C-alpha cells in the first residue's frame, strides 16, 4: 500500500442519529478508505473503533481534528502498525460464554483467568439484565498446550466462581448462531 498510512480511530459520544454518517464522510473527505469497523451503543453512548488507510500527506492531527469537529465527539487517532489485509486465523479461536449472577469484578475475574493461562481475548461483549450477567468472549487459544487441561480448568473455575461456562470452537459457534 505505497503512499498510504494506516490509522486506528476511536470515536465516543452520547448517541444520536447521524454519527456513523459523519465519521465515514469525514474519513472519505480526507481520502481515507475504511478497512475494518466495529460500532456499538452502550448505555446510551455511541462507541466506534475502526481502521482506515489515508494518503501519506494526511496527518493524525488532521484526522482527529476533522472528526472531532464533524461529530462533536471524543476522538482518538493513532498510527496503526500493520496492514489493511491482515487476516484472522480462526484455527485456534474459541468462544467462551459466561453466565452468572451480576456482581462487581466479574469481567476482571474472567479476564484474569484467561491472562494467567496466556489466553488472548480477541473480542468481548457483555450484557446485564436484572441480576443476570452474560459475557461472550472470543479467545485465541494458540498458546494453550492442552485443550483438555484448559477445559478442565474452565470447569473448575466455573464451579468456584458460580458461572455457567461453555467453550466452543469459533467455527462451531458461528455455524450454530448465524442465520
N, C-alpha and C. Protein backbone atom coordinates (compact mmCIF):
# COMPACT_ATOMS: atom_id res chain seq x y z
N UNK A 1 0.85 -1.18 0.00
CA UNK A 1 0.00 0.00 0.00
C UNK A 1 0.89 1.24 0.00
N UNK A 2 1.58 1.44 -1.10
CA UNK A 2 2.52 2.55 -1.24
C UNK A 2 1.80 3.88 -1.13
N UNK A 3 2.44 4.83 -0.42
CA UNK A 3 1.88 6.16 -0.28
C UNK A 3 0.72 6.25 0.68
N UNK A 4 0.42 5.18 1.38
CA UNK A 4 -0.70 5.18 2.33
C UNK A 4 -0.16 4.96 3.75
N UNK A 5 -0.89 5.49 4.70
CA UNK A 5 -0.63 5.18 6.10
C UNK A 5 -1.93 4.73 6.73
N UNK A 6 -1.80 3.84 7.67
CA UNK A 6 -2.97 3.23 8.29
C UNK A 6 -3.15 3.82 9.68
N UNK A 7 -4.39 4.15 10.02
CA UNK A 7 -4.70 4.74 11.32
C UNK A 7 -5.79 3.96 12.02
N UNK A 8 -5.63 3.84 13.33
CA UNK A 8 -6.67 3.27 14.20
C UNK A 8 -7.39 4.47 14.83
N UNK A 9 -8.71 4.47 14.72
CA UNK A 9 -9.51 5.62 15.16
C UNK A 9 -10.60 5.13 16.10
N UNK A 10 -10.78 5.84 17.22
CA UNK A 10 -11.92 5.54 18.08
C UNK A 10 -12.74 6.81 18.27
N UNK A 11 -14.05 6.63 18.36
CA UNK A 11 -14.98 7.74 18.50
C UNK A 11 -15.97 7.38 19.61
N UNK A 12 -16.24 8.35 20.50
CA UNK A 12 -17.23 8.12 21.56
C UNK A 12 -18.03 9.40 21.77
N UNK A 13 -19.36 9.24 21.87
CA UNK A 13 -20.25 10.38 22.08
C UNK A 13 -21.59 9.90 22.61
N UNK A 14 -22.35 10.80 23.16
CA UNK A 14 -23.73 10.49 23.51
C UNK A 14 -24.41 10.11 22.20
N UNK A 15 -25.14 9.02 22.19
CA UNK A 15 -25.71 8.52 20.94
C UNK A 15 -26.78 9.47 20.39
N UNK A 16 -26.78 9.55 19.08
CA UNK A 16 -27.79 10.30 18.33
C UNK A 16 -27.71 9.84 16.88
N UNK A 17 -28.76 10.05 16.10
CA UNK A 17 -28.70 9.68 14.68
C UNK A 17 -27.64 10.50 13.94
N UNK A 18 -26.95 9.87 13.01
CA UNK A 18 -26.04 10.58 12.13
C UNK A 18 -24.56 10.46 12.42
N UNK A 19 -24.19 9.89 13.56
CA UNK A 19 -22.76 9.84 13.89
C UNK A 19 -21.99 8.97 12.90
N UNK A 20 -22.52 7.82 12.54
CA UNK A 20 -21.82 6.95 11.59
C UNK A 20 -21.64 7.68 10.27
N UNK A 21 -22.66 8.36 9.80
CA UNK A 21 -22.57 9.12 8.54
C UNK A 21 -21.51 10.21 8.64
N UNK A 22 -21.46 10.92 9.77
CA UNK A 22 -20.49 12.00 9.95
C UNK A 22 -19.05 11.46 9.98
N UNK A 23 -18.84 10.37 10.70
CA UNK A 23 -17.50 9.79 10.80
C UNK A 23 -17.03 9.30 9.44
N UNK A 24 -17.87 8.53 8.77
CA UNK A 24 -17.46 7.95 7.49
C UNK A 24 -17.30 9.02 6.41
N UNK A 25 -18.13 10.06 6.43
CA UNK A 25 -17.98 11.17 5.48
C UNK A 25 -16.66 11.91 5.75
N UNK A 26 -16.36 12.14 7.03
CA UNK A 26 -15.11 12.82 7.39
C UNK A 26 -13.89 12.05 6.92
N UNK A 27 -13.94 10.74 7.06
CA UNK A 27 -12.83 9.89 6.59
C UNK A 27 -12.72 9.96 5.07
N UNK A 28 -13.84 9.87 4.39
CA UNK A 28 -13.85 9.94 2.91
C UNK A 28 -13.31 11.27 2.41
N UNK A 29 -13.72 12.37 3.06
CA UNK A 29 -13.28 13.70 2.64
C UNK A 29 -11.77 13.87 2.76
N UNK A 30 -11.14 13.11 3.64
CA UNK A 30 -9.68 13.15 3.79
C UNK A 30 -8.99 12.13 2.89
N UNK A 31 -9.77 11.45 2.06
CA UNK A 31 -9.20 10.45 1.16
C UNK A 31 -8.98 9.10 1.83
N UNK A 32 -9.63 8.90 2.99
CA UNK A 32 -9.47 7.66 3.74
C UNK A 32 -10.32 6.53 3.21
N UNK A 33 -9.82 5.32 3.35
CA UNK A 33 -10.52 4.12 2.92
C UNK A 33 -10.69 3.19 4.13
N UNK A 34 -11.93 2.90 4.49
CA UNK A 34 -12.21 2.03 5.64
C UNK A 34 -11.78 0.60 5.37
N UNK A 35 -11.18 -0.03 6.38
CA UNK A 35 -10.77 -1.43 6.25
C UNK A 35 -11.55 -2.31 7.22
N UNK A 36 -11.73 -1.84 8.43
CA UNK A 36 -12.37 -2.65 9.47
C UNK A 36 -13.06 -1.70 10.43
N UNK A 37 -14.26 -2.05 10.88
CA UNK A 37 -15.02 -1.14 11.74
C UNK A 37 -15.90 -1.92 12.69
N UNK A 38 -15.94 -1.48 13.93
CA UNK A 38 -16.89 -2.01 14.93
C UNK A 38 -17.58 -0.81 15.57
N UNK A 39 -18.88 -0.90 15.72
CA UNK A 39 -19.65 0.18 16.32
C UNK A 39 -20.71 -0.43 17.24
N UNK A 40 -20.96 0.25 18.34
CA UNK A 40 -21.98 -0.22 19.25
C UNK A 40 -22.49 0.95 20.08
N UNK A 41 -23.68 0.80 20.62
CA UNK A 41 -24.21 1.77 21.56
C UNK A 41 -24.28 1.08 22.91
N UNK A 42 -23.60 1.66 23.89
CA UNK A 42 -23.52 1.09 25.23
C UNK A 42 -24.13 2.07 26.22
N UNK A 43 -25.23 1.70 26.82
CA UNK A 43 -25.91 2.54 27.81
C UNK A 43 -26.08 3.97 27.32
N UNK A 44 -26.48 4.13 26.06
CA UNK A 44 -26.73 5.44 25.51
C UNK A 44 -25.52 6.15 24.94
N UNK A 45 -24.36 5.50 24.97
CA UNK A 45 -23.15 6.09 24.39
C UNK A 45 -22.74 5.34 23.14
N UNK A 46 -22.56 6.10 22.07
CA UNK A 46 -22.07 5.58 20.80
C UNK A 46 -20.56 5.33 20.94
N UNK A 47 -20.12 4.15 20.51
CA UNK A 47 -18.70 3.83 20.52
C UNK A 47 -18.35 3.19 19.19
N UNK A 48 -17.21 3.60 18.64
CA UNK A 48 -16.76 3.05 17.36
C UNK A 48 -15.24 2.97 17.38
N UNK A 49 -14.72 1.91 16.83
CA UNK A 49 -13.30 1.81 16.56
C UNK A 49 -13.17 1.30 15.14
N UNK A 50 -12.23 1.88 14.41
CA UNK A 50 -12.07 1.49 13.02
C UNK A 50 -10.62 1.62 12.59
N UNK A 51 -10.31 0.95 11.50
CA UNK A 51 -9.01 1.03 10.87
C UNK A 51 -9.24 1.58 9.46
N UNK A 52 -8.45 2.58 9.07
CA UNK A 52 -8.59 3.18 7.75
C UNK A 52 -7.22 3.54 7.19
N UNK A 53 -7.11 3.47 5.87
CA UNK A 53 -5.90 3.88 5.18
C UNK A 53 -6.08 5.28 4.63
N UNK A 54 -5.06 6.13 4.79
CA UNK A 54 -5.11 7.52 4.32
C UNK A 54 -3.90 7.81 3.44
N UNK A 55 -4.03 8.80 2.54
CA UNK A 55 -2.85 9.25 1.79
C UNK A 55 -1.77 9.70 2.79
N UNK A 56 -0.52 9.51 2.42
CA UNK A 56 0.58 9.81 3.34
C UNK A 56 0.63 11.28 3.75
N UNK A 57 0.02 12.18 2.98
CA UNK A 57 0.02 13.60 3.33
C UNK A 57 -0.91 13.92 4.50
N UNK A 58 -1.86 13.04 4.81
CA UNK A 58 -2.83 13.28 5.88
C UNK A 58 -2.21 12.90 7.22
N UNK A 59 -2.28 13.83 8.18
CA UNK A 59 -1.68 13.58 9.49
C UNK A 59 -2.70 13.07 10.50
N UNK A 60 -2.20 12.47 11.56
CA UNK A 60 -3.04 12.01 12.67
C UNK A 60 -3.85 13.18 13.23
N UNK A 61 -3.20 14.33 13.41
CA UNK A 61 -3.89 15.50 13.96
C UNK A 61 -5.00 15.99 13.04
N UNK A 62 -4.79 15.93 11.72
CA UNK A 62 -5.84 16.34 10.77
C UNK A 62 -7.06 15.44 10.91
N UNK A 63 -6.84 14.15 11.00
CA UNK A 63 -7.95 13.21 11.13
C UNK A 63 -8.69 13.45 12.44
N UNK A 64 -7.95 13.55 13.51
CA UNK A 64 -8.56 13.77 14.84
C UNK A 64 -9.37 15.06 14.85
N UNK A 65 -8.80 16.14 14.36
CA UNK A 65 -9.47 17.43 14.36
C UNK A 65 -10.73 17.41 13.49
N UNK A 66 -10.62 16.86 12.28
CA UNK A 66 -11.76 16.82 11.36
C UNK A 66 -12.92 16.01 11.94
N UNK A 67 -12.62 14.85 12.52
CA UNK A 67 -13.69 14.00 13.05
C UNK A 67 -14.29 14.57 14.32
N UNK A 68 -13.47 15.13 15.20
CA UNK A 68 -13.98 15.73 16.43
C UNK A 68 -14.90 16.90 16.11
N UNK A 69 -14.51 17.71 15.13
CA UNK A 69 -15.33 18.85 14.73
C UNK A 69 -16.63 18.40 14.06
N UNK A 70 -16.55 17.42 13.19
CA UNK A 70 -17.73 16.95 12.45
C UNK A 70 -18.75 16.26 13.34
N UNK A 71 -18.27 15.61 14.41
CA UNK A 71 -19.17 14.79 15.22
C UNK A 71 -19.42 15.31 16.62
N UNK A 72 -18.67 16.32 17.05
CA UNK A 72 -18.73 16.81 18.43
C UNK A 72 -18.53 15.63 19.40
N UNK A 73 -17.58 14.78 19.06
CA UNK A 73 -17.31 13.57 19.83
C UNK A 73 -15.89 13.56 20.36
N UNK A 74 -15.63 12.64 21.29
CA UNK A 74 -14.26 12.38 21.71
C UNK A 74 -13.65 11.46 20.65
N UNK A 75 -12.53 11.88 20.10
CA UNK A 75 -11.89 11.13 19.03
C UNK A 75 -10.44 10.88 19.40
N UNK A 76 -9.99 9.65 19.17
CA UNK A 76 -8.60 9.28 19.37
C UNK A 76 -8.09 8.67 18.07
N UNK A 77 -6.88 9.05 17.67
CA UNK A 77 -6.31 8.54 16.42
C UNK A 77 -4.86 8.16 16.68
N UNK A 78 -4.47 6.98 16.18
CA UNK A 78 -3.08 6.53 16.31
C UNK A 78 -2.67 5.84 15.01
N UNK A 79 -1.39 5.97 14.67
CA UNK A 79 -0.89 5.23 13.52
C UNK A 79 -0.94 3.75 13.84
N UNK A 80 -1.36 2.96 12.88
CA UNK A 80 -1.50 1.52 13.03
C UNK A 80 -0.29 0.84 12.43
N UNK A 81 0.31 -0.04 13.18
CA UNK A 81 1.46 -0.79 12.69
C UNK A 81 0.98 -2.14 12.19
N UNK A 82 0.71 -2.20 10.93
CA UNK A 82 0.21 -3.43 10.32
C UNK A 82 -0.34 -3.10 8.95
N UNK A 83 -0.98 -4.05 8.34
CA UNK A 83 -1.52 -3.83 7.00
C UNK A 83 -3.04 -3.88 7.04
N UNK A 84 -3.65 -3.43 5.97
CA UNK A 84 -5.11 -3.49 5.86
C UNK A 84 -5.58 -4.86 5.43
N UNK A 85 -4.66 -5.74 5.10
CA UNK A 85 -5.04 -7.06 4.60
C UNK A 85 -4.73 -8.18 5.59
N UNK A 86 -4.45 -7.83 6.85
CA UNK A 86 -4.19 -8.87 7.84
C UNK A 86 -5.45 -9.72 7.99
N UNK A 87 -5.28 -11.03 7.99
CA UNK A 87 -6.43 -11.92 8.14
C UNK A 87 -6.37 -12.57 9.52
N UNK A 88 -7.53 -12.86 10.02
CA UNK A 88 -7.61 -13.51 11.32
C UNK A 88 -7.52 -15.01 11.15
N UNK A 89 -6.69 -15.64 11.95
CA UNK A 89 -6.56 -17.09 11.95
C UNK A 89 -7.57 -17.63 12.95
N UNK A 90 -8.56 -18.37 12.46
CA UNK A 90 -9.60 -18.87 13.36
C UNK A 90 -9.35 -20.31 13.80
N UNK A 91 -8.22 -20.88 13.40
CA UNK A 91 -7.93 -22.27 13.78
C UNK A 91 -7.93 -22.45 15.29
N UNK A 92 -7.37 -21.49 16.02
CA UNK A 92 -7.29 -21.57 17.48
C UNK A 92 -8.25 -20.62 18.17
N UNK A 93 -9.25 -20.13 17.45
CA UNK A 93 -10.23 -19.22 18.03
C UNK A 93 -11.40 -20.01 18.62
N UNK A 94 -11.73 -19.69 19.85
CA UNK A 94 -12.83 -20.33 20.56
C UNK A 94 -13.72 -19.25 21.16
N UNK A 95 -14.97 -19.60 21.40
CA UNK A 95 -15.91 -18.70 22.04
C UNK A 95 -16.25 -19.27 23.41
N UNK A 96 -16.09 -18.42 24.42
CA UNK A 96 -16.44 -18.79 25.79
C UNK A 96 -17.63 -17.95 26.21
N UNK A 97 -18.73 -18.62 26.55
CA UNK A 97 -19.87 -17.90 27.10
C UNK A 97 -19.85 -18.08 28.61
N UNK A 98 -20.11 -16.99 29.32
CA UNK A 98 -20.09 -17.00 30.78
C UNK A 98 -21.37 -16.33 31.26
N UNK A 99 -22.14 -17.07 32.04
CA UNK A 99 -23.41 -16.55 32.56
C UNK A 99 -23.45 -16.77 34.06
N UNK A 100 -23.83 -15.73 34.78
CA UNK A 100 -23.93 -15.86 36.23
C UNK A 100 -24.59 -14.64 36.84
N UNK A 101 -24.68 -14.68 38.15
CA UNK A 101 -25.26 -13.56 38.90
C UNK A 101 -24.35 -12.34 38.76
N UNK A 102 -24.95 -11.20 38.50
CA UNK A 102 -24.19 -9.96 38.35
C UNK A 102 -23.52 -9.60 39.68
N UNK A 103 -22.25 -9.19 39.58
CA UNK A 103 -21.51 -8.76 40.76
C UNK A 103 -20.29 -7.96 40.32
N UNK A 104 -19.78 -7.18 41.23
CA UNK A 104 -18.59 -6.37 40.96
C UNK A 104 -17.39 -7.28 40.71
N UNK A 105 -16.62 -6.97 39.68
CA UNK A 105 -15.38 -7.68 39.42
C UNK A 105 -15.49 -8.92 38.56
N UNK A 106 -16.65 -9.20 38.01
CA UNK A 106 -16.85 -10.43 37.24
C UNK A 106 -16.00 -10.45 35.96
N UNK A 107 -16.00 -9.37 35.21
CA UNK A 107 -15.20 -9.32 33.98
C UNK A 107 -13.72 -9.39 34.34
N UNK A 108 -13.32 -8.71 35.40
CA UNK A 108 -11.92 -8.76 35.85
C UNK A 108 -11.53 -10.18 36.22
N UNK A 109 -12.41 -10.90 36.87
CA UNK A 109 -12.13 -12.27 37.29
C UNK A 109 -11.94 -13.20 36.08
N UNK A 110 -12.84 -13.09 35.10
CA UNK A 110 -12.75 -13.94 33.92
C UNK A 110 -11.53 -13.57 33.08
N UNK A 111 -11.29 -12.28 32.90
CA UNK A 111 -10.13 -11.87 32.10
C UNK A 111 -8.82 -12.24 32.79
N UNK A 112 -8.77 -12.20 34.11
CA UNK A 112 -7.57 -12.63 34.85
C UNK A 112 -7.33 -14.12 34.65
N UNK A 113 -8.40 -14.91 34.69
CA UNK A 113 -8.30 -16.35 34.44
C UNK A 113 -7.64 -16.59 33.08
N UNK A 114 -8.09 -15.86 32.07
CA UNK A 114 -7.53 -16.02 30.72
C UNK A 114 -6.08 -15.59 30.69
N UNK A 115 -5.78 -14.43 31.24
CA UNK A 115 -4.42 -13.90 31.25
C UNK A 115 -3.44 -14.86 31.90
N UNK A 116 -3.82 -15.43 33.02
CA UNK A 116 -2.92 -16.32 33.77
C UNK A 116 -2.59 -17.59 32.97
N UNK A 117 -3.37 -17.88 31.95
CA UNK A 117 -3.12 -19.07 31.13
C UNK A 117 -2.56 -18.70 29.75
N UNK A 118 -2.24 -17.43 29.56
CA UNK A 118 -1.69 -16.98 28.28
C UNK A 118 -2.71 -16.92 27.16
N UNK A 119 -3.97 -16.77 27.51
CA UNK A 119 -5.05 -16.72 26.52
C UNK A 119 -5.35 -15.27 26.20
N UNK A 120 -5.35 -14.94 24.92
CA UNK A 120 -5.65 -13.58 24.48
C UNK A 120 -7.15 -13.46 24.19
N UNK A 121 -7.77 -12.42 24.72
CA UNK A 121 -9.18 -12.13 24.45
C UNK A 121 -9.23 -11.28 23.18
N UNK A 122 -9.81 -11.84 22.12
CA UNK A 122 -9.90 -11.14 20.83
C UNK A 122 -11.11 -10.23 20.76
N UNK A 123 -12.19 -10.64 21.41
CA UNK A 123 -13.43 -9.87 21.37
C UNK A 123 -14.20 -10.21 22.64
N UNK A 124 -14.90 -9.23 23.18
CA UNK A 124 -15.68 -9.45 24.38
C UNK A 124 -16.94 -8.59 24.31
N UNK A 125 -18.06 -9.20 24.56
CA UNK A 125 -19.32 -8.47 24.66
C UNK A 125 -20.01 -8.94 25.93
N UNK A 126 -20.64 -8.01 26.62
CA UNK A 126 -21.34 -8.40 27.84
C UNK A 126 -22.63 -7.62 27.96
N UNK A 127 -23.53 -8.16 28.77
CA UNK A 127 -24.84 -7.54 28.96
C UNK A 127 -25.38 -7.98 30.32
N UNK A 128 -25.96 -7.03 31.03
CA UNK A 128 -26.62 -7.37 32.29
C UNK A 128 -28.10 -7.08 32.15
N UNK A 129 -28.90 -8.02 32.63
CA UNK A 129 -30.35 -7.86 32.63
C UNK A 129 -30.85 -8.41 33.95
N UNK A 130 -31.56 -7.54 34.68
CA UNK A 130 -31.98 -7.86 36.05
C UNK A 130 -30.73 -8.18 36.84
N UNK A 131 -30.60 -9.40 37.35
CA UNK A 131 -29.43 -9.77 38.14
C UNK A 131 -28.54 -10.77 37.39
N UNK A 132 -28.81 -10.94 36.09
CA UNK A 132 -28.09 -11.93 35.29
C UNK A 132 -27.06 -11.25 34.40
N UNK A 133 -25.81 -11.68 34.49
CA UNK A 133 -24.72 -11.11 33.68
C UNK A 133 -24.29 -12.15 32.65
N UNK A 134 -24.21 -11.72 31.39
CA UNK A 134 -23.80 -12.61 30.31
C UNK A 134 -22.60 -12.01 29.60
N UNK A 135 -21.57 -12.82 29.39
CA UNK A 135 -20.38 -12.41 28.65
C UNK A 135 -20.15 -13.41 27.53
N UNK A 136 -19.74 -12.89 26.38
CA UNK A 136 -19.31 -13.72 25.27
C UNK A 136 -17.90 -13.25 24.93
N UNK A 137 -16.95 -14.18 25.00
CA UNK A 137 -15.56 -13.85 24.74
C UNK A 137 -15.05 -14.69 23.58
N UNK A 138 -14.41 -14.05 22.63
CA UNK A 138 -13.72 -14.80 21.60
C UNK A 138 -12.26 -14.87 22.05
N UNK A 139 -11.74 -16.08 22.15
CA UNK A 139 -10.41 -16.31 22.71
C UNK A 139 -9.47 -16.91 21.68
N UNK A 140 -8.20 -16.53 21.77
CA UNK A 140 -7.15 -17.15 20.97
C UNK A 140 -6.45 -18.16 21.86
N UNK A 141 -6.64 -19.43 21.58
CA UNK A 141 -6.06 -20.49 22.40
C UNK A 141 -4.77 -21.05 21.80
N UNK A 142 -4.13 -20.31 20.91
CA UNK A 142 -2.90 -20.82 20.27
C UNK A 142 -1.78 -21.05 21.28
N UNK A 143 -1.82 -20.40 22.43
CA UNK A 143 -0.79 -20.59 23.46
C UNK A 143 -1.09 -21.72 24.42
N UNK A 144 -2.23 -22.38 24.28
CA UNK A 144 -2.62 -23.47 25.17
C UNK A 144 -1.98 -24.76 24.67
N UNK A 145 -1.28 -25.46 25.57
CA UNK A 145 -0.63 -26.70 25.17
C UNK A 145 -1.59 -27.88 25.14
N UNK A 146 -2.56 -27.89 26.06
CA UNK A 146 -3.51 -28.99 26.11
C UNK A 146 -4.92 -28.43 26.24
N UNK A 147 -5.72 -28.62 25.20
CA UNK A 147 -7.09 -28.16 25.22
C UNK A 147 -7.89 -28.89 26.30
N UNK A 148 -7.62 -30.18 26.51
CA UNK A 148 -8.32 -30.95 27.54
C UNK A 148 -8.05 -30.37 28.93
N UNK A 149 -6.79 -30.02 29.20
CA UNK A 149 -6.44 -29.42 30.50
C UNK A 149 -7.14 -28.08 30.66
N UNK A 150 -7.15 -27.27 29.60
CA UNK A 150 -7.81 -25.97 29.65
C UNK A 150 -9.30 -26.13 29.93
N UNK A 151 -9.94 -27.11 29.30
CA UNK A 151 -11.36 -27.36 29.54
C UNK A 151 -11.61 -27.76 30.99
N UNK A 152 -10.72 -28.57 31.57
CA UNK A 152 -10.85 -28.94 32.99
C UNK A 152 -10.71 -27.71 33.88
N UNK A 153 -9.76 -26.84 33.55
CA UNK A 153 -9.56 -25.61 34.33
C UNK A 153 -10.78 -24.71 34.24
N UNK A 154 -11.39 -24.64 33.05
CA UNK A 154 -12.61 -23.84 32.88
C UNK A 154 -13.73 -24.40 33.74
N UNK A 155 -13.87 -25.71 33.75
CA UNK A 155 -14.92 -26.35 34.54
C UNK A 155 -14.74 -26.04 36.03
N UNK A 156 -13.53 -26.17 36.52
CA UNK A 156 -13.24 -25.87 37.93
C UNK A 156 -13.48 -24.40 38.23
N UNK A 157 -13.00 -23.53 37.35
CA UNK A 157 -13.18 -22.09 37.52
C UNK A 157 -14.67 -21.74 37.55
N UNK A 158 -15.45 -22.33 36.67
CA UNK A 158 -16.88 -22.07 36.63
C UNK A 158 -17.57 -22.44 37.94
N UNK A 159 -17.23 -23.61 38.47
CA UNK A 159 -17.83 -24.05 39.74
C UNK A 159 -17.43 -23.14 40.89
N UNK A 160 -16.15 -22.77 40.94
CA UNK A 160 -15.66 -21.91 42.03
C UNK A 160 -16.20 -20.49 41.96
N UNK A 161 -16.45 -20.02 40.75
CA UNK A 161 -16.90 -18.63 40.59
C UNK A 161 -18.40 -18.48 40.42
N UNK A 162 -19.12 -19.59 40.40
CA UNK A 162 -20.57 -19.53 40.25
C UNK A 162 -21.01 -19.13 38.85
N UNK A 163 -20.21 -19.49 37.85
CA UNK A 163 -20.54 -19.17 36.47
C UNK A 163 -20.83 -20.42 35.67
N UNK A 164 -21.78 -20.31 34.77
CA UNK A 164 -22.02 -21.36 33.79
C UNK A 164 -21.15 -21.02 32.59
N UNK A 165 -20.10 -21.80 32.33
CA UNK A 165 -19.15 -21.53 31.27
C UNK A 165 -19.26 -22.59 30.18
N UNK A 166 -19.32 -22.15 28.92
CA UNK A 166 -19.38 -23.06 27.78
C UNK A 166 -18.33 -22.61 26.78
N UNK A 167 -17.46 -23.55 26.39
CA UNK A 167 -16.40 -23.27 25.42
C UNK A 167 -16.70 -24.02 24.13
N UNK A 168 -16.69 -23.30 23.00
CA UNK A 168 -16.93 -23.89 21.69
C UNK A 168 -15.90 -23.35 20.71
N UNK A 169 -15.52 -24.17 19.75
CA UNK A 169 -14.66 -23.66 18.69
C UNK A 169 -15.42 -22.56 17.95
N UNK A 170 -14.71 -21.53 17.53
CA UNK A 170 -15.32 -20.39 16.86
C UNK A 170 -16.16 -20.81 15.65
N UNK A 171 -15.68 -21.76 14.86
CA UNK A 171 -16.41 -22.19 13.67
C UNK A 171 -17.74 -22.85 14.03
N UNK A 172 -17.76 -23.64 15.09
CA UNK A 172 -19.00 -24.28 15.54
C UNK A 172 -19.96 -23.22 16.07
N UNK A 173 -19.44 -22.28 16.86
CA UNK A 173 -20.28 -21.21 17.39
C UNK A 173 -20.94 -20.43 16.26
N UNK A 174 -20.15 -20.04 15.27
CA UNK A 174 -20.69 -19.27 14.15
C UNK A 174 -21.71 -20.07 13.36
N UNK A 175 -21.45 -21.35 13.14
CA UNK A 175 -22.37 -22.18 12.36
C UNK A 175 -23.71 -22.35 13.07
N UNK A 176 -23.69 -22.37 14.38
CA UNK A 176 -24.95 -22.59 15.13
C UNK A 176 -25.62 -21.31 15.58
N UNK A 177 -24.98 -20.14 15.35
CA UNK A 177 -25.56 -18.89 15.82
C UNK A 177 -25.78 -17.85 14.73
N UNK A 178 -25.53 -18.19 13.48
CA UNK A 178 -25.79 -17.27 12.39
C UNK A 178 -26.91 -17.83 11.53
N UNK A 179 -27.61 -16.94 10.90
CA UNK A 179 -28.73 -17.32 10.04
C UNK A 179 -28.17 -17.76 8.70
